[in-house]
Amino acid sequence: MTQPELIVQGQEDALVPVVNAINMSKSLPNARLIVYPDAGHAAFSNIMTTSFGKLLNF
């Protein structure tokens, strides 16, 4: 994929380890990774106001 990719991951995700997001971001040439330290599996819903602003800026 060549289009920009935004990968959002919660550090406290019990379902998908953060290392998966790190590896995915390294494998995509135009990826940007944001890891939220206090968020779980649904990072956007855990930190709605912060993540929404970053999404708009992307």
N, C-alpha and C. Protein backbone atom coordinates (compact mmCIF):
# COMPACT_ATOMS: atom_id res chain seq x y z
N MET A 1 0.84 -1.17 0.00
CA MET A 1 0.00 0.00 0.00
C MET A 1 0.89 1.24 0.00
N THR A 2 0.48 2.22 -0.74
CA THR A 2 1.28 3.44 -0.83
C THR A 2 0.58 4.65 -0.22
N GLN A 3 -0.70 4.55 0.05
CA GLN A 3 -1.41 5.68 0.65
C GLN A 3 -1.03 5.80 2.12
N PRO A 4 -1.18 6.98 2.70
CA PRO A 4 -0.87 7.16 4.12
C PRO A 4 -1.78 6.29 4.99
N GLU A 5 -1.20 5.70 6.01
CA GLU A 5 -1.93 4.85 6.95
C GLU A 5 -1.73 5.39 8.36
N LEU A 6 -2.82 5.51 9.10
CA LEU A 6 -2.74 5.89 10.51
C LEU A 6 -3.10 4.67 11.34
N ILE A 7 -2.16 4.22 12.16
CA ILE A 7 -2.37 3.06 13.01
C ILE A 7 -2.48 3.57 14.44
N VAL A 8 -3.60 3.27 15.08
CA VAL A 8 -3.85 3.71 16.45
C VAL A 8 -3.92 2.47 17.33
N GLN A 9 -3.14 2.47 18.40
CA GLN A 9 -3.04 1.29 19.27
C GLN A 9 -3.05 1.72 20.72
N GLY A 10 -3.73 0.97 21.55
CA GLY A 10 -3.68 1.18 22.99
C GLY A 10 -2.60 0.32 23.60
N GLN A 11 -1.75 0.90 24.41
CA GLN A 11 -0.66 0.16 25.06
C GLN A 11 -1.21 -0.95 25.95
N GLU A 12 -2.39 -0.75 26.53
CA GLU A 12 -2.99 -1.71 27.46
C GLU A 12 -3.96 -2.66 26.76
N ASP A 13 -3.87 -2.81 25.45
CA ASP A 13 -4.75 -3.69 24.68
C ASP A 13 -4.50 -5.14 25.09
N ALA A 14 -5.53 -5.79 25.62
CA ALA A 14 -5.40 -7.18 26.06
C ALA A 14 -5.65 -8.17 24.91
N LEU A 15 -6.19 -7.69 23.80
CA LEU A 15 -6.49 -8.58 22.67
C LEU A 15 -5.41 -8.59 21.60
N VAL A 16 -4.86 -7.42 21.30
CA VAL A 16 -3.85 -7.30 20.25
C VAL A 16 -2.60 -6.66 20.86
N PRO A 17 -1.52 -7.39 20.96
CA PRO A 17 -0.30 -6.83 21.54
C PRO A 17 0.22 -5.63 20.73
N VAL A 18 0.76 -4.65 21.42
CA VAL A 18 1.25 -3.43 20.78
C VAL A 18 2.36 -3.73 19.78
N VAL A 19 3.08 -4.81 19.98
CA VAL A 19 4.15 -5.17 19.04
C VAL A 19 3.58 -5.43 17.64
N ASN A 20 2.33 -5.88 17.56
CA ASN A 20 1.71 -6.08 16.24
C ASN A 20 1.57 -4.76 15.50
N ALA A 21 1.17 -3.72 16.19
CA ALA A 21 1.03 -2.40 15.57
C ALA A 21 2.39 -1.84 15.17
N ILE A 22 3.38 -2.07 16.01
CA ILE A 22 4.73 -1.61 15.69
C ILE A 22 5.24 -2.30 14.42
N ASN A 23 5.06 -3.61 14.35
CA ASN A 23 5.50 -4.34 13.17
C ASN A 23 4.73 -3.91 11.92
N MET A 24 3.43 -3.69 12.06
CA MET A 24 2.64 -3.24 10.93
C MET A 24 3.12 -1.89 10.44
N SER A 25 3.39 -0.98 11.35
CA SER A 25 3.83 0.36 10.94
C SER A 25 5.18 0.32 10.24
N LYS A 26 6.04 -0.62 10.65
CA LYS A 26 7.34 -0.76 9.99
C LYS A 26 7.22 -1.35 8.59
N SER A 27 6.17 -2.13 8.37
CA SER A 27 6.02 -2.80 7.08
C SER A 27 5.30 -1.93 6.04
N LEU A 28 4.70 -0.84 6.47
CA LEU A 28 3.98 0.05 5.55
C LEU A 28 4.81 1.32 5.34
N PRO A 29 5.11 1.66 4.10
CA PRO A 29 6.04 2.76 3.84
C PRO A 29 5.54 4.14 4.28
N ASN A 30 4.23 4.34 4.33
CA ASN A 30 3.69 5.66 4.68
C ASN A 30 2.84 5.60 5.94
N ALA A 31 3.22 4.74 6.87
CA ALA A 31 2.43 4.57 8.08
C ALA A 31 2.88 5.52 9.18
N ARG A 32 1.91 5.92 9.97
CA ARG A 32 2.17 6.70 11.18
C ARG A 32 1.51 5.95 12.33
N LEU A 33 2.24 5.69 13.37
CA LEU A 33 1.75 4.94 14.51
C LEU A 33 1.57 5.86 15.71
N ILE A 34 0.41 5.76 16.33
CA ILE A 34 0.15 6.47 17.58
C ILE A 34 -0.22 5.41 18.61
N VAL A 35 0.54 5.34 19.70
CA VAL A 35 0.24 4.41 20.79
C VAL A 35 -0.18 5.23 22.00
N TYR A 36 -1.38 4.96 22.49
CA TYR A 36 -1.89 5.65 23.67
C TYR A 36 -1.57 4.80 24.91
N PRO A 37 -0.78 5.33 25.84
CA PRO A 37 -0.30 4.52 26.96
C PRO A 37 -1.40 4.01 27.89
N ASP A 38 -2.48 4.74 28.07
CA ASP A 38 -3.52 4.33 29.02
C ASP A 38 -4.76 3.76 28.35
N ALA A 39 -4.68 3.46 27.06
CA ALA A 39 -5.84 2.97 26.32
C ALA A 39 -5.77 1.46 26.15
N GLY A 40 -6.95 0.88 26.02
CA GLY A 40 -7.05 -0.56 25.79
C GLY A 40 -7.30 -0.86 24.32
N HIS A 41 -8.12 -1.89 24.07
CA HIS A 41 -8.34 -2.38 22.72
C HIS A 41 -9.00 -1.33 21.82
N ALA A 42 -9.95 -0.61 22.32
CA ALA A 42 -10.65 0.41 21.52
C ALA A 42 -10.06 1.78 21.87
N ALA A 43 -8.86 2.04 21.39
CA ALA A 43 -8.14 3.26 21.76
C ALA A 43 -8.93 4.52 21.45
N PHE A 44 -9.61 4.55 20.29
CA PHE A 44 -10.37 5.75 19.94
C PHE A 44 -11.48 6.02 20.94
N SER A 45 -12.16 4.99 21.40
CA SER A 45 -13.25 5.23 22.36
C SER A 45 -12.71 5.48 23.76
N ASN A 46 -11.52 4.95 24.08
CA ASN A 46 -10.92 5.18 25.40
C ASN A 46 -10.47 6.63 25.56
N ILE A 47 -9.96 7.22 24.50
CA ILE A 47 -9.40 8.58 24.58
C ILE A 47 -9.97 9.39 23.42
N MET A 48 -11.28 9.56 23.41
CA MET A 48 -11.99 10.14 22.26
C MET A 48 -11.51 11.54 21.90
N THR A 49 -11.40 12.45 22.83
CA THR A 49 -11.07 13.83 22.47
C THR A 49 -9.65 13.96 21.96
N THR A 50 -8.72 13.27 22.56
CA THR A 50 -7.32 13.33 22.11
C THR A 50 -7.16 12.67 20.76
N SER A 51 -7.72 11.48 20.60
CA SER A 51 -7.54 10.73 19.35
C SER A 51 -8.28 11.38 18.20
N PHE A 52 -9.42 11.99 18.44
CA PHE A 52 -10.17 12.63 17.36
C PHE A 52 -9.38 13.80 16.77
N GLY A 53 -8.73 14.57 17.59
CA GLY A 53 -7.91 15.67 17.10
C GLY A 53 -6.74 15.18 16.26
N LYS A 54 -6.12 14.08 16.66
CA LYS A 54 -5.02 13.52 15.88
C LYS A 54 -5.52 12.96 14.56
N LEU A 55 -6.71 12.39 14.55
CA LEU A 55 -7.29 11.88 13.32
C LEU A 55 -7.57 13.02 12.35
N LEU A 56 -8.09 14.11 12.83
CA LEU A 56 -8.37 15.27 11.97
C LEU A 56 -7.08 15.84 11.41
N ASN A 57 -6.01 15.86 12.17
CA ASN A 57 -4.74 16.38 11.72
C ASN A 57 -4.03 15.46 10.73
N PHE A 58 -4.41 14.18 10.74
CA PHE A 58 -3.80 13.22 9.84
C PHE A 58 -4.25 13.52 8.43
